[in-house]
Amino acid sequence: MPNATGRYCKSEVAASGLPYYIPRSKRWTSQPYAHAVFLTANRCKMFGLPVRDNESPSAFLFSASAGYGTDDNKHRYLPLYERTQEMLKMRDARLYPHEIMKYS
C-alpha cells in the first residue's frame, strides 16, 4: 500500500515482483520486456496520457531523495506506468534513460 504521496517501500516493491530501476547503478533489476517505456504519473500527465483510476504500477523507480525533508525515509520507490505503444507514436518526445527498459 503506497503512502499518502503515492510512494512505496522496498518490501512492497519486492513483494510485487515487478522490475525497478536503480539510478545509481543505471540498471533494471529484471527485464521482462525486450523494450518498454515506463513513466511516472507526472510524466504521463505531461504527455497527455494520464494514469487511470484503477491502473496499477508496471514498474518502480528508486529515488534516494524521496521523502527528503520529512520523517519518512522508508517510502523511496515511485510507481511507473507502462506507456510503450503511446510513446512510440510520439517521435519527438524526449525520454530519460530510466524511462526506457531495453536489453543492452
N, C-alpha and C. Protein backbone atom coordinates (compact mmCIF):
# COMPACT_ATOMS: atom_id res chain seq x y z
N MET A 1 0.85 -1.18 0.00
CA MET A 1 0.00 0.00 0.00
C MET A 1 0.89 1.24 0.00
N PRO A 2 0.73 2.12 -0.97
CA PRO A 2 1.57 3.32 -1.01
C PRO A 2 1.24 4.28 0.13
N ASN A 3 2.21 5.16 0.40
CA ASN A 3 1.95 6.17 1.43
C ASN A 3 1.07 7.28 0.85
N ALA A 4 0.85 8.34 1.59
CA ALA A 4 -0.06 9.42 1.17
C ALA A 4 0.39 10.10 -0.11
N THR A 5 1.68 10.11 -0.39
CA THR A 5 2.18 10.76 -1.60
C THR A 5 2.32 9.78 -2.77
N GLY A 6 1.95 8.52 -2.55
CA GLY A 6 1.96 7.54 -3.63
C GLY A 6 3.23 6.76 -3.80
N ARG A 7 4.17 6.90 -2.87
CA ARG A 7 5.43 6.16 -2.95
C ARG A 7 5.32 4.84 -2.20
N TYR A 8 6.17 3.89 -2.58
CA TYR A 8 6.16 2.56 -1.99
C TYR A 8 7.46 2.30 -1.22
N CYS A 9 7.42 1.35 -0.30
CA CYS A 9 8.63 0.95 0.42
C CYS A 9 9.24 -0.27 -0.28
N LYS A 10 10.47 -0.60 0.06
CA LYS A 10 11.20 -1.67 -0.61
C LYS A 10 10.49 -3.03 -0.48
N SER A 11 9.96 -3.33 0.68
CA SER A 11 9.30 -4.63 0.86
C SER A 11 8.06 -4.76 -0.03
N GLU A 12 7.34 -3.66 -0.22
CA GLU A 12 6.17 -3.69 -1.10
C GLU A 12 6.58 -3.90 -2.56
N VAL A 13 7.67 -3.25 -2.96
CA VAL A 13 8.17 -3.39 -4.33
C VAL A 13 8.66 -4.82 -4.55
N ALA A 14 9.40 -5.36 -3.60
CA ALA A 14 9.90 -6.74 -3.72
C ALA A 14 8.74 -7.73 -3.78
N ALA A 15 7.72 -7.52 -2.97
CA ALA A 15 6.57 -8.42 -2.95
C ALA A 15 5.78 -8.36 -4.25
N SER A 16 5.83 -7.23 -4.96
CA SER A 16 5.08 -7.09 -6.21
C SER A 16 5.67 -7.94 -7.32
N GLY A 17 6.97 -8.20 -7.26
CA GLY A 17 7.64 -8.96 -8.31
C GLY A 17 7.91 -8.15 -9.56
N LEU A 18 7.57 -6.88 -9.55
CA LEU A 18 7.77 -6.02 -10.72
C LEU A 18 9.21 -5.50 -10.76
N PRO A 19 9.71 -5.19 -11.96
CA PRO A 19 11.07 -4.64 -12.05
C PRO A 19 11.14 -3.23 -11.47
N TYR A 20 12.34 -2.86 -11.04
CA TYR A 20 12.56 -1.48 -10.62
C TYR A 20 13.92 -1.02 -11.08
N TYR A 21 14.03 0.28 -11.29
CA TYR A 21 15.25 0.89 -11.82
C TYR A 21 16.02 1.53 -10.68
N ILE A 22 17.33 1.29 -10.66
CA ILE A 22 18.20 1.88 -9.66
C ILE A 22 19.13 2.86 -10.38
N PRO A 23 18.89 4.17 -10.25
CA PRO A 23 19.68 5.17 -10.98
C PRO A 23 21.18 5.11 -10.73
N ARG A 24 21.57 4.83 -9.51
CA ARG A 24 23.00 4.83 -9.19
C ARG A 24 23.76 3.79 -10.00
N SER A 25 23.16 2.61 -10.18
CA SER A 25 23.81 1.56 -10.95
C SER A 25 23.38 1.57 -12.42
N LYS A 26 22.41 2.43 -12.75
CA LYS A 26 21.89 2.57 -14.11
C LYS A 26 21.42 1.23 -14.68
N ARG A 27 20.64 0.52 -13.87
CA ARG A 27 20.16 -0.78 -14.35
C ARG A 27 18.79 -1.11 -13.77
N TRP A 28 18.10 -1.97 -14.51
CA TRP A 28 16.83 -2.53 -14.06
C TRP A 28 17.14 -3.81 -13.30
N THR A 29 16.32 -4.13 -12.31
CA THR A 29 16.54 -5.36 -11.54
C THR A 29 16.17 -6.59 -12.34
N SER A 30 15.25 -6.45 -13.28
CA SER A 30 14.92 -7.54 -14.20
C SER A 30 14.39 -6.91 -15.47
N GLN A 31 14.44 -7.65 -16.56
CA GLN A 31 13.99 -7.11 -17.83
C GLN A 31 13.00 -8.07 -18.48
N PRO A 32 11.74 -8.02 -18.07
CA PRO A 32 10.75 -8.92 -18.64
C PRO A 32 10.32 -8.54 -20.05
N TYR A 33 10.72 -7.34 -20.51
CA TYR A 33 10.36 -6.88 -21.84
C TYR A 33 11.63 -6.61 -22.64
N ALA A 34 11.56 -6.86 -23.95
CA ALA A 34 12.70 -6.53 -24.81
C ALA A 34 12.84 -5.01 -24.92
N HIS A 35 11.70 -4.32 -24.92
CA HIS A 35 11.69 -2.86 -24.97
C HIS A 35 10.38 -2.38 -24.35
N ALA A 36 10.47 -1.41 -23.45
CA ALA A 36 9.27 -0.85 -22.83
C ALA A 36 9.56 0.57 -22.37
N VAL A 37 8.52 1.37 -22.29
CA VAL A 37 8.62 2.74 -21.79
C VAL A 37 7.76 2.84 -20.54
N PHE A 38 8.37 3.28 -19.46
CA PHE A 38 7.69 3.44 -18.17
C PHE A 38 7.81 4.89 -17.72
N LEU A 39 6.68 5.49 -17.35
CA LEU A 39 6.66 6.89 -16.93
C LEU A 39 6.03 7.04 -15.56
N THR A 40 6.48 8.07 -14.82
CA THR A 40 5.83 8.40 -13.56
C THR A 40 4.47 9.02 -13.87
N ALA A 41 3.63 9.15 -12.87
CA ALA A 41 2.30 9.74 -13.07
C ALA A 41 2.41 11.16 -13.61
N ASN A 42 3.38 11.94 -13.12
CA ASN A 42 3.55 13.31 -13.59
C ASN A 42 3.96 13.36 -15.05
N ARG A 43 4.86 12.46 -15.46
CA ARG A 43 5.29 12.43 -16.86
C ARG A 43 4.15 11.93 -17.76
N CYS A 44 3.37 10.99 -17.27
CA CYS A 44 2.20 10.53 -18.04
C CYS A 44 1.28 11.71 -18.31
N LYS A 45 1.03 12.48 -17.28
CA LYS A 45 0.15 13.65 -17.39
C LYS A 45 0.74 14.67 -18.36
N MET A 46 2.05 14.89 -18.29
CA MET A 46 2.73 15.84 -19.14
C MET A 46 2.57 15.48 -20.63
N PHE A 47 2.58 14.20 -20.93
CA PHE A 47 2.44 13.73 -22.32
C PHE A 47 0.98 13.54 -22.72
N GLY A 48 0.04 13.87 -21.85
CA GLY A 48 -1.37 13.73 -22.16
C GLY A 48 -1.86 12.30 -22.09
N LEU A 49 -1.19 11.50 -21.26
CA LEU A 49 -1.54 10.08 -21.09
C LEU A 49 -1.75 9.80 -19.61
N PRO A 50 -2.74 10.42 -18.98
CA PRO A 50 -2.90 10.31 -17.52
C PRO A 50 -3.12 8.87 -17.04
N VAL A 51 -2.75 8.65 -15.82
CA VAL A 51 -2.93 7.35 -15.17
C VAL A 51 -4.42 7.15 -14.88
N ARG A 52 -4.94 6.01 -15.24
CA ARG A 52 -6.35 5.70 -14.98
C ARG A 52 -6.55 5.41 -13.49
N ASP A 53 -7.76 5.62 -13.01
CA ASP A 53 -8.07 5.45 -11.59
C ASP A 53 -7.72 4.06 -11.06
N ASN A 54 -7.98 3.03 -11.82
CA ASN A 54 -7.74 1.66 -11.34
C ASN A 54 -6.44 1.07 -11.88
N GLU A 55 -5.57 1.90 -12.46
CA GLU A 55 -4.33 1.39 -13.05
C GLU A 55 -3.27 1.10 -11.99
N SER A 56 -2.69 -0.07 -12.07
CA SER A 56 -1.62 -0.47 -11.15
C SER A 56 -0.26 -0.16 -11.78
N PRO A 57 0.76 0.04 -10.95
CA PRO A 57 2.09 0.29 -11.50
C PRO A 57 2.60 -0.93 -12.29
N SER A 58 3.44 -0.66 -13.27
CA SER A 58 4.05 -1.71 -14.07
C SER A 58 5.51 -1.92 -13.70
N ALA A 59 6.09 -0.94 -13.01
CA ALA A 59 7.48 -0.99 -12.57
C ALA A 59 7.66 0.11 -11.52
N PHE A 60 8.88 0.22 -11.01
CA PHE A 60 9.17 1.23 -9.98
C PHE A 60 10.51 1.88 -10.25
N LEU A 61 10.68 3.07 -9.70
CA LEU A 61 11.92 3.82 -9.79
C LEU A 61 12.38 4.15 -8.38
N PHE A 62 13.61 3.73 -8.03
CA PHE A 62 14.16 4.08 -6.72
C PHE A 62 14.58 5.54 -6.74
N SER A 63 14.18 6.29 -5.73
CA SER A 63 14.55 7.69 -5.61
C SER A 63 15.15 7.93 -4.23
N ALA A 64 16.46 8.11 -4.19
CA ALA A 64 17.15 8.31 -2.92
C ALA A 64 16.68 9.58 -2.22
N SER A 65 16.20 10.55 -2.97
CA SER A 65 15.76 11.82 -2.36
C SER A 65 14.28 11.83 -2.00
N ALA A 66 13.57 10.77 -2.29
CA ALA A 66 12.14 10.72 -1.95
C ALA A 66 11.97 10.82 -0.43
N GLY A 67 11.10 11.67 0.00
CA GLY A 67 10.86 11.86 1.42
C GLY A 67 11.82 12.83 2.07
N TYR A 68 12.71 13.44 1.29
CA TYR A 68 13.67 14.39 1.84
C TYR A 68 12.92 15.53 2.53
N GLY A 69 13.36 15.87 3.71
CA GLY A 69 12.73 16.94 4.46
C GLY A 69 11.55 16.49 5.29
N THR A 70 11.27 15.19 5.26
CA THR A 70 10.18 14.65 6.08
C THR A 70 10.77 13.56 6.98
N ASP A 71 9.94 12.97 7.80
CA ASP A 71 10.42 11.89 8.65
C ASP A 71 10.19 10.52 7.99
N ASP A 72 9.76 10.51 6.73
CA ASP A 72 9.50 9.26 6.01
C ASP A 72 10.67 8.93 5.09
N ASN A 73 11.60 8.13 5.57
CA ASN A 73 12.73 7.69 4.78
C ASN A 73 12.54 6.27 4.26
N LYS A 74 11.37 5.72 4.48
CA LYS A 74 11.09 4.33 4.13
C LYS A 74 10.51 4.19 2.71
N HIS A 75 9.65 5.10 2.33
CA HIS A 75 8.95 5.03 1.04
C HIS A 75 9.74 5.79 -0.03
N ARG A 76 10.61 5.07 -0.74
CA ARG A 76 11.51 5.70 -1.71
C ARG A 76 11.34 5.19 -3.14
N TYR A 77 10.29 4.47 -3.41
CA TYR A 77 10.07 3.92 -4.75
C TYR A 77 8.85 4.57 -5.39
N LEU A 78 9.07 5.16 -6.57
CA LEU A 78 7.99 5.82 -7.30
C LEU A 78 7.37 4.82 -8.27
N PRO A 79 6.05 4.78 -8.37
CA PRO A 79 5.41 3.88 -9.31
C PRO A 79 5.60 4.38 -10.75
N LEU A 80 5.81 3.45 -11.66
CA LEU A 80 5.93 3.76 -13.08
C LEU A 80 4.82 3.04 -13.84
N TYR A 81 4.35 3.67 -14.88
CA TYR A 81 3.24 3.12 -15.67
C TYR A 81 3.69 2.91 -17.10
N GLU A 82 3.33 1.77 -17.65
CA GLU A 82 3.77 1.38 -18.99
C GLU A 82 3.02 2.19 -20.05
N ARG A 83 3.78 2.85 -20.92
CA ARG A 83 3.22 3.67 -21.99
C ARG A 83 3.97 3.44 -23.30
N THR A 84 4.40 2.23 -23.56
CA THR A 84 5.23 1.92 -24.73
C THR A 84 4.56 2.29 -26.04
N GLN A 85 3.38 1.76 -26.29
CA GLN A 85 2.71 1.98 -27.58
C GLN A 85 2.43 3.46 -27.83
N GLU A 86 1.98 4.16 -26.81
CA GLU A 86 1.66 5.58 -26.97
C GLU A 86 2.92 6.41 -27.26
N MET A 87 4.02 6.08 -26.58
CA MET A 87 5.25 6.85 -26.74
C MET A 87 5.93 6.55 -28.07
N LEU A 88 5.74 5.36 -28.62
CA LEU A 88 6.31 5.04 -29.93
C LEU A 88 5.68 5.91 -31.02
N LYS A 89 4.46 6.35 -30.79
CA LYS A 89 3.77 7.23 -31.75
C LYS A 89 4.27 8.67 -31.65
N MET A 90 4.83 9.05 -30.51
CA MET A 90 5.33 10.41 -30.30
C MET A 90 6.82 10.43 -30.58
N ARG A 91 7.19 10.60 -31.79
CA ARG A 91 8.60 10.51 -32.20
C ARG A 91 9.45 11.65 -31.66
N ASP A 92 8.86 12.78 -31.34
CA ASP A 92 9.64 13.92 -30.86
C ASP A 92 9.75 13.99 -29.34
N ALA A 93 9.18 13.03 -28.64
CA ALA A 93 9.21 13.03 -27.17
C ALA A 93 10.61 12.65 -26.68
N ARG A 94 11.10 13.42 -25.73
CA ARG A 94 12.41 13.12 -25.13
C ARG A 94 12.18 12.34 -23.84
N LEU A 95 12.83 11.19 -23.76
CA LEU A 95 12.69 10.33 -22.59
C LEU A 95 14.01 10.27 -21.83
N TYR A 96 13.91 10.10 -20.53
CA TYR A 96 15.09 9.92 -19.69
C TYR A 96 15.53 8.46 -19.75
N PRO A 97 16.81 8.18 -19.51
CA PRO A 97 17.30 6.79 -19.55
C PRO A 97 16.50 5.83 -18.65
N HIS A 98 16.10 6.30 -17.48
CA HIS A 98 15.36 5.41 -16.56
C HIS A 98 13.94 5.13 -17.02
N GLU A 99 13.48 5.82 -18.05
CA GLU A 99 12.12 5.58 -18.56
C GLU A 99 12.08 4.51 -19.65
N ILE A 100 13.24 4.08 -20.10
CA ILE A 100 13.32 3.11 -21.19
C ILE A 100 13.94 1.82 -20.68
N MET A 101 13.20 0.73 -20.82
CA MET A 101 13.75 -0.57 -20.49
C MET A 101 14.09 -1.25 -21.81
N LYS A 102 15.33 -1.67 -21.95
CA LYS A 102 15.72 -2.40 -23.15
C LYS A 102 16.90 -3.30 -22.83
N TYR A 103 17.02 -4.33 -23.62
CA TYR A 103 18.16 -5.23 -23.46
C TYR A 103 19.41 -4.51 -23.95
N SER A 104 20.47 -4.65 -23.21
CA SER A 104 21.73 -3.98 -23.59
C SER A 104 22.44 -4.73 -24.69
